[in-house]
Amino acid sequence: MQPGCLTLRLIPLPTFTKRTFAVMHKFLIDSNVFFQAKNFHYRFDFCSQFWKWVEHAHLHGIAYSTEKVKKEIMKGELDDPVKNWIEELPATFFIPDDTDAAVMAKYAEVMRWSNANTHFRQHAKAEFAKSTVADAFLLATAMAHGYSIVTHELSKPEQRKKIQLPDAALELGVTTHFVYDVLNDYCDEHFNFRKLA
């Protein structure tokens, strides 16, 4: 290698199959899905159909999020289009988390798992346990009520400085998906909601 050159390591992209889900699922959507959608591939300016699809998926009983995710989004700028969009969603879209006894029982289980895990550094556990961070509450809600989680966060099992949502989910028996997997099965080419056959 020549001096001053960088070595790039290619990371394989996830593959998406024609049919991911055999039966209708219920999904909790992580805040990073909304943020990345509005910043990149599904901007409101040219892809409002994605946001309508989310609304229709909720009306069909498969797409939800949690109150903690809503609070993360509401911290945004006043003119943030996602912030404005979620204010128009039905109240049923955001599931109560820290006021639900079943969720809080599972939250305690998530915290026990985190605290007992010797792989992660203490500051990673402290960040994961913050009441303003949605990840542990997403996991607890999914565990309590049988949801899968939709996130853009990647698995990094070797990482010790942060608890990645997909890695915690795997340990705790919760399934995670990329948004593209969900769209593949529940969305047609025009972003209309599609029920599983």
N, C-alpha and C. Protein backbone atom coordinates (compact mmCIF):
# COMPACT_ATOMS: atom_id res chain seq x y z
N MET A 1 0.84 -1.19 0.00
CA MET A 1 0.00 0.00 0.00
C MET A 1 0.88 1.25 0.00
N GLN A 2 0.51 2.24 -0.78
CA GLN A 2 1.28 3.47 -0.87
C GLN A 2 1.03 4.34 0.37
N PRO A 3 2.07 5.08 0.78
CA PRO A 3 1.87 5.97 1.94
C PRO A 3 0.74 6.96 1.67
N GLY A 4 -0.05 7.23 2.69
CA GLY A 4 -1.14 8.18 2.56
C GLY A 4 -2.43 7.61 2.01
N CYS A 5 -2.41 6.33 1.60
CA CYS A 5 -3.63 5.70 1.07
C CYS A 5 -4.41 5.07 2.21
N LEU A 6 -5.69 5.09 2.08
CA LEU A 6 -6.56 4.46 3.07
C LEU A 6 -6.95 3.08 2.59
N THR A 7 -7.09 2.17 3.52
CA THR A 7 -7.60 0.85 3.20
C THR A 7 -9.08 0.85 3.56
N LEU A 8 -9.91 0.52 2.61
CA LEU A 8 -11.35 0.48 2.85
C LEU A 8 -11.79 -0.95 3.07
N ARG A 9 -12.61 -1.15 4.08
CA ARG A 9 -13.16 -2.47 4.34
C ARG A 9 -14.62 -2.44 3.92
N LEU A 10 -14.98 -3.30 2.99
CA LEU A 10 -16.36 -3.35 2.52
C LEU A 10 -17.22 -4.09 3.53
N ILE A 11 -18.33 -3.50 3.86
CA ILE A 11 -19.28 -4.12 4.78
C ILE A 11 -20.44 -4.65 3.95
N PRO A 12 -20.73 -5.96 4.07
CA PRO A 12 -21.83 -6.49 3.26
C PRO A 12 -23.16 -5.88 3.67
N LEU A 13 -23.94 -5.52 2.68
CA LEU A 13 -25.27 -4.97 2.93
C LEU A 13 -26.24 -6.10 3.22
N PRO A 14 -27.28 -5.84 4.01
CA PRO A 14 -28.27 -6.89 4.25
C PRO A 14 -28.98 -7.25 2.95
N THR A 15 -29.33 -8.51 2.84
CA THR A 15 -30.08 -8.95 1.66
C THR A 15 -31.55 -9.00 2.01
N PHE A 16 -32.37 -8.71 1.04
CA PHE A 16 -33.81 -8.67 1.27
C PHE A 16 -34.46 -9.71 0.39
N THR A 17 -35.24 -10.55 1.01
CA THR A 17 -35.90 -11.62 0.28
C THR A 17 -37.26 -11.17 -0.19
N LYS A 18 -37.85 -11.94 -1.08
CA LYS A 18 -39.17 -11.60 -1.63
C LYS A 18 -40.23 -11.63 -0.53
N ARG A 19 -40.15 -12.60 0.35
CA ARG A 19 -41.16 -12.72 1.40
C ARG A 19 -40.45 -12.89 2.74
N THR A 20 -40.60 -11.93 3.61
CA THR A 20 -39.93 -11.96 4.90
C THR A 20 -40.85 -12.52 5.99
N PHE A 21 -42.10 -12.15 5.95
CA PHE A 21 -43.03 -12.50 7.02
C PHE A 21 -44.10 -13.45 6.50
N ALA A 22 -44.36 -14.51 7.26
CA ALA A 22 -45.38 -15.47 6.86
C ALA A 22 -46.75 -15.07 7.37
N VAL A 23 -46.79 -14.34 8.46
CA VAL A 23 -48.06 -13.88 9.04
C VAL A 23 -47.92 -12.41 9.40
N MET A 24 -49.05 -11.76 9.61
CA MET A 24 -49.03 -10.35 9.99
C MET A 24 -48.31 -10.18 11.33
N HIS A 25 -47.44 -9.21 11.39
CA HIS A 25 -46.71 -8.88 12.60
C HIS A 25 -47.15 -7.50 13.10
N LYS A 26 -46.75 -7.21 14.33
CA LYS A 26 -46.89 -5.86 14.87
C LYS A 26 -45.48 -5.34 15.11
N PHE A 27 -45.25 -4.10 14.69
CA PHE A 27 -43.91 -3.54 14.74
C PHE A 27 -43.87 -2.26 15.57
N LEU A 28 -42.78 -2.10 16.31
CA LEU A 28 -42.46 -0.84 16.98
C LEU A 28 -41.34 -0.19 16.18
N ILE A 29 -41.54 1.05 15.78
CA ILE A 29 -40.57 1.74 14.93
C ILE A 29 -39.66 2.62 15.79
N ASP A 30 -38.36 2.40 15.65
CA ASP A 30 -37.35 3.16 16.36
C ASP A 30 -37.25 4.58 15.78
N SER A 31 -36.83 5.53 16.59
CA SER A 31 -36.74 6.93 16.13
C SER A 31 -35.77 7.09 14.97
N ASN A 32 -34.71 6.27 14.91
CA ASN A 32 -33.74 6.44 13.82
C ASN A 32 -34.33 6.14 12.46
N VAL A 33 -35.37 5.33 12.40
CA VAL A 33 -36.06 5.07 11.12
C VAL A 33 -36.69 6.36 10.62
N PHE A 34 -37.35 7.08 11.50
CA PHE A 34 -37.99 8.34 11.12
C PHE A 34 -36.95 9.40 10.74
N PHE A 35 -35.90 9.49 11.55
CA PHE A 35 -34.87 10.51 11.28
C PHE A 35 -34.15 10.25 9.96
N GLN A 36 -33.76 9.01 9.73
CA GLN A 36 -33.05 8.71 8.48
C GLN A 36 -33.97 8.85 7.28
N ALA A 37 -35.23 8.49 7.44
CA ALA A 37 -36.18 8.63 6.33
C ALA A 37 -36.32 10.09 5.92
N LYS A 38 -36.48 10.98 6.89
CA LYS A 38 -36.70 12.40 6.54
C LYS A 38 -35.42 13.09 6.09
N ASN A 39 -34.26 12.56 6.48
CA ASN A 39 -32.99 13.17 6.08
C ASN A 39 -32.45 12.64 4.76
N PHE A 40 -32.85 11.42 4.37
CA PHE A 40 -32.25 10.80 3.21
C PHE A 40 -33.30 10.33 2.20
N HIS A 41 -33.61 9.05 2.20
CA HIS A 41 -34.33 8.43 1.10
C HIS A 41 -35.84 8.67 1.06
N TYR A 42 -36.48 9.07 2.15
CA TYR A 42 -37.93 9.29 2.13
C TYR A 42 -38.26 10.70 2.61
N ARG A 43 -37.56 11.68 2.10
CA ARG A 43 -37.81 13.07 2.51
C ARG A 43 -39.24 13.47 2.17
N PHE A 44 -39.80 14.31 3.02
CA PHE A 44 -41.18 14.76 2.83
C PHE A 44 -41.35 15.48 1.49
N ASP A 45 -40.31 16.15 1.01
CA ASP A 45 -40.40 16.92 -0.23
C ASP A 45 -40.68 16.07 -1.45
N PHE A 46 -40.16 14.84 -1.47
CA PHE A 46 -40.34 14.03 -2.68
C PHE A 46 -40.87 12.62 -2.42
N CYS A 47 -41.08 12.26 -1.16
CA CYS A 47 -41.59 10.91 -0.89
C CYS A 47 -42.60 10.92 0.26
N SER A 48 -43.61 11.75 0.12
CA SER A 48 -44.64 11.81 1.17
C SER A 48 -45.41 10.50 1.28
N GLN A 49 -45.36 9.69 0.23
CA GLN A 49 -46.09 8.41 0.25
C GLN A 49 -45.56 7.47 1.32
N PHE A 50 -44.26 7.54 1.62
CA PHE A 50 -43.72 6.70 2.69
C PHE A 50 -44.42 7.02 4.00
N TRP A 51 -44.59 8.29 4.29
CA TRP A 51 -45.19 8.72 5.55
C TRP A 51 -46.68 8.34 5.59
N LYS A 52 -47.33 8.42 4.44
CA LYS A 52 -48.73 7.96 4.36
C LYS A 52 -48.80 6.45 4.57
N TRP A 53 -47.79 5.73 4.06
CA TRP A 53 -47.77 4.28 4.26
C TRP A 53 -47.69 3.96 5.75
N VAL A 54 -46.85 4.68 6.49
CA VAL A 54 -46.74 4.45 7.94
C VAL A 54 -48.10 4.65 8.60
N GLU A 55 -48.80 5.72 8.21
CA GLU A 55 -50.12 5.99 8.78
C GLU A 55 -51.09 4.85 8.46
N HIS A 56 -51.08 4.38 7.21
CA HIS A 56 -51.99 3.29 6.81
C HIS A 56 -51.61 1.99 7.51
N ALA A 57 -50.31 1.74 7.66
CA ALA A 57 -49.87 0.53 8.36
C ALA A 57 -50.35 0.55 9.81
N HIS A 58 -50.39 1.73 10.41
CA HIS A 58 -50.94 1.83 11.76
C HIS A 58 -52.44 1.54 11.77
N LEU A 59 -53.15 2.11 10.81
CA LEU A 59 -54.60 1.87 10.74
C LEU A 59 -54.92 0.39 10.52
N HIS A 60 -53.98 -0.34 9.88
CA HIS A 60 -54.15 -1.79 9.68
C HIS A 60 -53.61 -2.60 10.86
N GLY A 61 -53.15 -1.92 11.89
CA GLY A 61 -52.77 -2.60 13.13
C GLY A 61 -51.39 -3.21 13.15
N ILE A 62 -50.45 -2.72 12.31
CA ILE A 62 -49.11 -3.31 12.35
C ILE A 62 -48.00 -2.33 12.73
N ALA A 63 -48.20 -1.04 12.59
CA ALA A 63 -47.12 -0.07 12.84
C ALA A 63 -47.44 0.80 14.04
N TYR A 64 -46.50 0.82 14.98
CA TYR A 64 -46.63 1.60 16.21
C TYR A 64 -45.25 2.11 16.60
N SER A 65 -45.22 2.91 17.64
CA SER A 65 -43.98 3.25 18.29
C SER A 65 -44.30 3.44 19.77
N THR A 66 -43.38 4.01 20.52
CA THR A 66 -43.61 4.19 21.95
C THR A 66 -43.55 5.66 22.34
N GLU A 67 -44.04 5.94 23.52
CA GLU A 67 -44.00 7.31 24.04
C GLU A 67 -42.57 7.83 24.17
N LYS A 68 -41.64 6.95 24.53
CA LYS A 68 -40.23 7.37 24.66
C LYS A 68 -39.67 7.78 23.30
N VAL A 69 -40.03 7.07 22.25
CA VAL A 69 -39.60 7.44 20.90
C VAL A 69 -40.19 8.80 20.54
N LYS A 70 -41.46 9.00 20.86
CA LYS A 70 -42.10 10.29 20.59
C LYS A 70 -41.34 11.42 21.28
N LYS A 71 -40.95 11.20 22.53
CA LYS A 71 -40.21 12.23 23.27
C LYS A 71 -38.86 12.51 22.63
N GLU A 72 -38.19 11.47 22.12
CA GLU A 72 -36.92 11.68 21.42
C GLU A 72 -37.13 12.56 20.19
N ILE A 73 -38.20 12.29 19.45
CA ILE A 73 -38.48 13.07 18.24
C ILE A 73 -38.87 14.51 18.59
N MET A 74 -39.63 14.68 19.65
CA MET A 74 -40.12 16.01 20.01
C MET A 74 -39.01 16.94 20.50
N LYS A 75 -37.83 16.40 20.75
CA LYS A 75 -36.68 17.24 21.12
C LYS A 75 -36.15 18.01 19.92
N GLY A 76 -36.61 17.67 18.72
CA GLY A 76 -36.10 18.27 17.49
C GLY A 76 -36.45 19.74 17.34
N GLU A 77 -35.95 20.31 16.26
CA GLU A 77 -36.22 21.72 15.94
C GLU A 77 -37.71 21.95 15.72
N LEU A 78 -38.15 23.17 15.93
CA LEU A 78 -39.57 23.51 15.76
C LEU A 78 -40.08 23.21 14.36
N ASP A 79 -39.22 23.42 13.36
CA ASP A 79 -39.65 23.20 11.98
C ASP A 79 -39.29 21.81 11.46
N ASP A 80 -38.92 20.90 12.35
CA ASP A 80 -38.59 19.53 11.94
C ASP A 80 -39.85 18.88 11.37
N PRO A 81 -39.82 18.42 10.11
CA PRO A 81 -41.03 17.85 9.52
C PRO A 81 -41.52 16.59 10.22
N VAL A 82 -40.60 15.80 10.80
CA VAL A 82 -41.04 14.60 11.53
C VAL A 82 -41.80 15.00 12.78
N LYS A 83 -41.29 16.00 13.47
CA LYS A 83 -41.96 16.50 14.68
C LYS A 83 -43.36 16.98 14.34
N ASN A 84 -43.48 17.73 13.27
CA ASN A 84 -44.79 18.22 12.84
C ASN A 84 -45.70 17.07 12.42
N TRP A 85 -45.12 16.07 11.75
CA TRP A 85 -45.90 14.93 11.27
C TRP A 85 -46.45 14.10 12.42
N ILE A 86 -45.62 13.83 13.44
CA ILE A 86 -46.11 12.97 14.52
C ILE A 86 -47.20 13.63 15.34
N GLU A 87 -47.23 14.96 15.33
CA GLU A 87 -48.29 15.65 16.07
C GLU A 87 -49.66 15.40 15.44
N GLU A 88 -49.68 14.98 14.18
CA GLU A 88 -50.94 14.70 13.48
C GLU A 88 -51.35 13.22 13.56
N LEU A 89 -50.48 12.37 14.10
CA LEU A 89 -50.79 10.94 14.18
C LEU A 89 -51.84 10.67 15.25
N PRO A 90 -52.60 9.58 15.09
CA PRO A 90 -53.54 9.20 16.15
C PRO A 90 -52.79 8.91 17.45
N ALA A 91 -53.42 9.18 18.57
CA ALA A 91 -52.79 8.94 19.87
C ALA A 91 -52.41 7.47 20.04
N THR A 92 -53.13 6.58 19.37
CA THR A 92 -52.88 5.14 19.49
C THR A 92 -51.57 4.71 18.84
N PHE A 93 -50.94 5.59 18.05
CA PHE A 93 -49.68 5.21 17.39
C PHE A 93 -48.56 5.02 18.42
N PHE A 94 -48.56 5.87 19.46
CA PHE A 94 -47.50 5.82 20.46
C PHE A 94 -48.00 5.09 21.71
N ILE A 95 -47.44 3.92 21.93
CA ILE A 95 -47.86 3.05 23.02
C ILE A 95 -47.24 3.55 24.33
N PRO A 96 -48.04 3.63 25.40
CA PRO A 96 -47.46 4.00 26.70
C PRO A 96 -46.40 2.97 27.10
N ASP A 97 -45.29 3.45 27.64
CA ASP A 97 -44.27 2.50 28.06
C ASP A 97 -44.01 2.60 29.57
N ASP A 98 -43.55 3.74 30.06
CA ASP A 98 -43.21 3.80 31.48
C ASP A 98 -44.43 3.94 32.40
N THR A 99 -45.63 3.96 31.83
CA THR A 99 -46.85 3.95 32.66
C THR A 99 -47.58 2.62 32.57
N ASP A 100 -47.02 1.66 31.86
CA ASP A 100 -47.63 0.34 31.67
C ASP A 100 -46.92 -0.65 32.59
N ALA A 101 -47.66 -1.25 33.52
CA ALA A 101 -47.05 -2.15 34.50
C ALA A 101 -46.37 -3.34 33.84
N ALA A 102 -46.98 -3.89 32.79
CA ALA A 102 -46.38 -5.04 32.10
C ALA A 102 -45.07 -4.66 31.43
N VAL A 103 -45.04 -3.46 30.84
CA VAL A 103 -43.80 -2.98 30.21
C VAL A 103 -42.73 -2.74 31.26
N MET A 104 -43.10 -2.14 32.38
CA MET A 104 -42.10 -1.84 33.40
C MET A 104 -41.55 -3.11 34.05
N ALA A 105 -42.35 -4.16 34.13
CA ALA A 105 -41.84 -5.44 34.62
C ALA A 105 -40.78 -5.98 33.67
N LYS A 106 -41.03 -5.85 32.38
CA LYS A 106 -40.04 -6.29 31.38
C LYS A 106 -38.84 -5.35 31.34
N TYR A 107 -39.08 -4.06 31.60
CA TYR A 107 -37.98 -3.10 31.66
C TYR A 107 -37.00 -3.50 32.77
N ALA A 108 -37.54 -3.92 33.91
CA ALA A 108 -36.68 -4.38 35.01
C ALA A 108 -35.85 -5.58 34.56
N GLU A 109 -36.45 -6.46 33.77
CA GLU A 109 -35.74 -7.62 33.23
C GLU A 109 -34.62 -7.18 32.28
N VAL A 110 -34.92 -6.19 31.44
CA VAL A 110 -33.91 -5.65 30.51
C VAL A 110 -32.75 -5.05 31.30
N MET A 111 -33.05 -4.31 32.36
CA MET A 111 -32.00 -3.70 33.17
C MET A 111 -31.16 -4.76 33.90
N ARG A 112 -31.80 -5.82 34.37
CA ARG A 112 -31.05 -6.91 35.01
C ARG A 112 -30.08 -7.54 34.02
N TRP A 113 -30.57 -7.76 32.78
CA TRP A 113 -29.71 -8.32 31.74
C TRP A 113 -28.52 -7.40 31.49
N SER A 114 -28.78 -6.11 31.34
CA SER A 114 -27.72 -5.14 31.06
C SER A 114 -26.69 -5.09 32.19
N ASN A 115 -27.17 -4.98 33.42
CA ASN A 115 -26.27 -4.85 34.57
C ASN A 115 -25.43 -6.10 34.80
N ALA A 116 -25.98 -7.26 34.48
CA ALA A 116 -25.25 -8.52 34.69
C ALA A 116 -24.29 -8.83 33.55
N ASN A 117 -24.42 -8.12 32.44
CA ASN A 117 -23.60 -8.40 31.26
C ASN A 117 -22.20 -7.82 31.45
N THR A 118 -21.20 -8.70 31.46
CA THR A 118 -19.82 -8.26 31.69
C THR A 118 -19.13 -7.78 30.41
N HIS A 119 -19.76 -7.94 29.27
CA HIS A 119 -19.16 -7.53 28.00
C HIS A 119 -19.12 -6.00 27.85
N PHE A 120 -20.17 -5.33 28.31
CA PHE A 120 -20.29 -3.89 28.07
C PHE A 120 -19.63 -3.08 29.18
N ARG A 121 -19.06 -1.94 28.78
CA ARG A 121 -18.45 -1.04 29.74
C ARG A 121 -19.54 -0.35 30.58
N GLN A 122 -19.14 0.14 31.73
CA GLN A 122 -20.11 0.72 32.65
C GLN A 122 -20.82 1.93 32.05
N HIS A 123 -20.10 2.78 31.31
CA HIS A 123 -20.76 3.96 30.73
C HIS A 123 -21.77 3.56 29.65
N ALA A 124 -21.56 2.42 28.98
CA ALA A 124 -22.54 1.92 28.01
C ALA A 124 -23.82 1.50 28.72
N LYS A 125 -23.66 0.84 29.86
CA LYS A 125 -24.82 0.42 30.65
C LYS A 125 -25.57 1.64 31.20
N ALA A 126 -24.81 2.64 31.64
CA ALA A 126 -25.43 3.85 32.19
C ALA A 126 -26.23 4.59 31.11
N GLU A 127 -25.68 4.68 29.92
CA GLU A 127 -26.39 5.34 28.80
C GLU A 127 -27.65 4.57 28.45
N PHE A 128 -27.55 3.26 28.38
CA PHE A 128 -28.67 2.38 28.05
C PHE A 128 -29.80 2.52 29.07
N ALA A 129 -29.43 2.79 30.33
CA ALA A 129 -30.41 2.86 31.42
C ALA A 129 -31.05 4.24 31.59
N LYS A 130 -30.59 5.24 30.83
CA LYS A 130 -31.17 6.58 30.97
C LYS A 130 -32.66 6.57 30.63
N SER A 131 -33.44 7.25 31.44
CA SER A 131 -34.90 7.27 31.22
C SER A 131 -35.29 8.03 29.96
N THR A 132 -34.36 8.82 29.41
CA THR A 132 -34.64 9.59 28.20
C THR A 132 -34.24 8.85 26.92
N VAL A 133 -33.63 7.68 27.06
CA VAL A 133 -33.20 6.87 25.91
C VAL A 133 -34.24 5.79 25.67
N ALA A 134 -34.72 5.68 24.46
CA ALA A 134 -35.87 4.82 24.16
C ALA A 134 -35.55 3.34 24.03
N ASP A 135 -34.30 2.97 23.75
CA ASP A 135 -33.99 1.58 23.38
C ASP A 135 -34.49 0.54 24.37
N ALA A 136 -34.18 0.72 25.65
CA ALA A 136 -34.59 -0.27 26.65
C ALA A 136 -36.11 -0.34 26.77
N PHE A 137 -36.77 0.80 26.58
CA PHE A 137 -38.24 0.82 26.64
C PHE A 137 -38.86 0.17 25.40
N LEU A 138 -38.22 0.35 24.25
CA LEU A 138 -38.68 -0.37 23.04
C LEU A 138 -38.61 -1.87 23.27
N LEU A 139 -37.48 -2.33 23.81
CA LEU A 139 -37.31 -3.76 24.09
C LEU A 139 -38.36 -4.26 25.08
N ALA A 140 -38.55 -3.51 26.16
CA ALA A 140 -39.52 -3.92 27.18
C ALA A 140 -40.94 -3.97 26.63
N THR A 141 -41.30 -2.99 25.80
CA THR A 141 -42.63 -2.97 25.19
C THR A 141 -42.81 -4.14 24.25
N ALA A 142 -41.78 -4.41 23.45
CA ALA A 142 -41.83 -5.55 22.54
C ALA A 142 -41.98 -6.86 23.30
N MET A 143 -41.24 -7.01 24.39
CA MET A 143 -41.30 -8.22 25.20
C MET A 143 -42.67 -8.38 25.87
N ALA A 144 -43.21 -7.27 26.36
CA ALA A 144 -44.47 -7.33 27.10
C ALA A 144 -45.66 -7.61 26.20
N HIS A 145 -45.61 -7.11 24.95
CA HIS A 145 -46.81 -7.16 24.11
C HIS A 145 -46.62 -7.84 22.75
N GLY A 146 -45.50 -8.52 22.55
CA GLY A 146 -45.32 -9.34 21.36
C GLY A 146 -45.05 -8.59 20.07
N TYR A 147 -44.29 -7.51 20.14
CA TYR A 147 -43.92 -6.75 18.95
C TYR A 147 -42.53 -7.16 18.45
N SER A 148 -42.28 -6.89 17.18
CA SER A 148 -40.92 -6.86 16.64
C SER A 148 -40.51 -5.39 16.57
N ILE A 149 -39.21 -5.13 16.46
CA ILE A 149 -38.71 -3.76 16.40
C ILE A 149 -38.12 -3.48 15.02
N VAL A 150 -38.48 -2.33 14.47
CA VAL A 150 -37.91 -1.86 13.19
C VAL A 150 -36.89 -0.79 13.53
N THR A 151 -35.65 -1.02 13.13
CA THR A 151 -34.57 -0.08 13.43
C THR A 151 -33.54 -0.07 12.31
N HIS A 152 -32.82 1.04 12.20
CA HIS A 152 -31.68 1.11 11.28
C HIS A 152 -30.37 0.79 11.99
N GLU A 153 -30.45 0.60 13.30
CA GLU A 153 -29.23 0.31 14.04
C GLU A 153 -28.70 -1.07 13.63
N LEU A 154 -27.38 -1.17 13.52
CA LEU A 154 -26.74 -2.40 13.08
C LEU A 154 -26.22 -3.19 14.27
N SER A 155 -26.21 -4.50 14.12
CA SER A 155 -25.61 -5.37 15.12
C SER A 155 -24.10 -5.17 15.14
N LYS A 156 -23.55 -5.00 16.34
CA LYS A 156 -22.09 -4.91 16.51
C LYS A 156 -21.74 -5.66 17.80
N PRO A 157 -21.82 -6.99 17.75
CA PRO A 157 -21.67 -7.77 18.99
C PRO A 157 -20.32 -7.61 19.67
N GLU A 158 -19.28 -7.23 18.91
CA GLU A 158 -17.96 -7.06 19.51
C GLU A 158 -17.80 -5.73 20.24
N GLN A 159 -18.70 -4.80 19.98
CA GLN A 159 -18.60 -3.46 20.57
C GLN A 159 -18.89 -3.49 22.06
N ARG A 160 -18.12 -2.76 22.84
CA ARG A 160 -18.29 -2.73 24.29
C ARG A 160 -18.72 -1.36 24.81
N LYS A 161 -18.52 -0.31 23.98
CA LYS A 161 -18.78 1.05 24.46
C LYS A 161 -20.22 1.50 24.28
N LYS A 162 -21.03 0.71 23.58
CA LYS A 162 -22.45 1.04 23.39
C LYS A 162 -23.23 -0.25 23.24
N ILE A 163 -24.40 -0.30 23.85
CA ILE A 163 -25.27 -1.46 23.69
C ILE A 163 -26.13 -1.22 22.46
N GLN A 164 -25.87 -1.99 21.42
CA GLN A 164 -26.63 -1.86 20.19
C GLN A 164 -27.99 -2.53 20.35
N LEU A 165 -29.03 -1.86 19.89
CA LEU A 165 -30.39 -2.38 20.02
C LEU A 165 -30.55 -3.79 19.44
N PRO A 166 -30.05 -4.09 18.23
CA PRO A 166 -30.24 -5.45 17.70
C PRO A 166 -29.54 -6.52 18.53
N ASP A 167 -28.40 -6.19 19.14
CA ASP A 167 -27.68 -7.17 19.95
C ASP A 167 -28.42 -7.44 21.26
N ALA A 168 -28.92 -6.39 21.89
CA ALA A 168 -29.72 -6.57 23.10
C ALA A 168 -30.99 -7.34 22.78
N ALA A 169 -31.61 -7.01 21.66
CA ALA A 169 -32.85 -7.70 21.25
C ALA A 169 -32.60 -9.19 21.06
N LEU A 170 -31.50 -9.54 20.42
CA LEU A 170 -31.18 -10.95 20.20
C LEU A 170 -31.03 -11.69 21.52
N GLU A 171 -30.36 -11.07 22.46
CA GLU A 171 -30.15 -11.67 23.78
C GLU A 171 -31.47 -11.84 24.54
N LEU A 172 -32.40 -10.93 24.29
CA LEU A 172 -33.65 -10.91 25.06
C LEU A 172 -34.83 -11.55 24.32
N GLY A 173 -34.57 -12.12 23.15
CA GLY A 173 -35.62 -12.84 22.41
C GLY A 173 -36.57 -11.96 21.63
N VAL A 174 -36.11 -10.76 21.26
CA VAL A 174 -36.94 -9.85 20.46
C VAL A 174 -36.37 -9.80 19.04
N THR A 175 -37.24 -9.86 18.05
CA THR A 175 -36.82 -9.82 16.65
C THR A 175 -36.70 -8.37 16.19
N THR A 176 -35.64 -8.08 15.43
CA THR A 176 -35.50 -6.75 14.83
C THR A 176 -35.48 -6.89 13.31
N HIS A 177 -35.90 -5.83 12.63
CA HIS A 177 -35.95 -5.81 11.17
C HIS A 177 -35.50 -4.44 10.68
N PHE A 178 -34.97 -4.41 9.46
CA PHE A 178 -34.79 -3.15 8.76
C PHE A 178 -36.13 -2.73 8.18
N VAL A 179 -36.33 -1.44 8.01
CA VAL A 179 -37.59 -0.95 7.45
C VAL A 179 -37.84 -1.53 6.06
N TYR A 180 -36.77 -1.80 5.31
CA TYR A 180 -36.92 -2.33 3.95
C TYR A 180 -37.54 -3.72 3.94
N ASP A 181 -37.25 -4.52 4.98
CA ASP A 181 -37.88 -5.83 5.09
C ASP A 181 -39.39 -5.69 5.24
N VAL A 182 -39.79 -4.74 6.07
CA VAL A 182 -41.21 -4.52 6.32
C VAL A 182 -41.89 -3.99 5.07
N LEU A 183 -41.27 -3.01 4.42
CA LEU A 183 -41.83 -2.46 3.19
C LEU A 183 -41.94 -3.52 2.11
N ASN A 184 -40.98 -4.41 2.04
CA ASN A 184 -40.97 -5.47 1.04
C ASN A 184 -42.25 -6.29 1.07
N ASP A 185 -42.76 -6.53 2.26
CA ASP A 185 -43.94 -7.38 2.39
C ASP A 185 -45.25 -6.62 2.53
N TYR A 186 -45.20 -5.40 3.04
CA TYR A 186 -46.43 -4.69 3.36
C TYR A 186 -46.65 -3.44 2.51
N CYS A 187 -45.91 -3.31 1.43
CA CYS A 187 -45.99 -2.10 0.61
C CYS A 187 -45.89 -2.48 -0.86
N ASP A 188 -46.75 -1.86 -1.70
CA ASP A 188 -46.62 -2.11 -3.14
C ASP A 188 -45.69 -1.07 -3.76
N GLU A 189 -45.56 -1.12 -5.08
CA GLU A 189 -44.60 -0.24 -5.77
C GLU A 189 -44.98 1.24 -5.70
N HIS A 190 -46.21 1.54 -5.27
CA HIS A 190 -46.66 2.93 -5.15
C HIS A 190 -46.78 3.38 -3.69
N PHE A 191 -46.18 2.61 -2.80
CA PHE A 191 -46.23 2.87 -1.36
C PHE A 191 -47.64 2.76 -0.79
N ASN A 192 -48.48 1.95 -1.42
CA ASN A 192 -49.78 1.64 -0.83
C ASN A 192 -49.59 0.47 0.13
N PHE A 193 -50.34 0.49 1.23
CA PHE A 193 -50.26 -0.62 2.18
C PHE A 193 -50.78 -1.88 1.51
N ARG A 194 -50.06 -2.97 1.73
CA ARG A 194 -50.44 -4.26 1.15
C ARG A 194 -50.52 -5.29 2.27
N LYS A 195 -51.67 -5.95 2.38
CA LYS A 195 -51.81 -7.02 3.36
C LYS A 195 -51.11 -8.26 2.86
N LEU A 196 -50.62 -9.07 3.79
CA LEU A 196 -50.02 -10.34 3.39
C LEU A 196 -51.08 -11.24 2.79
N ALA A 197 -50.70 -11.95 1.72
CA ALA A 197 -51.65 -12.86 1.07
C ALA A 197 -51.88 -14.08 1.93
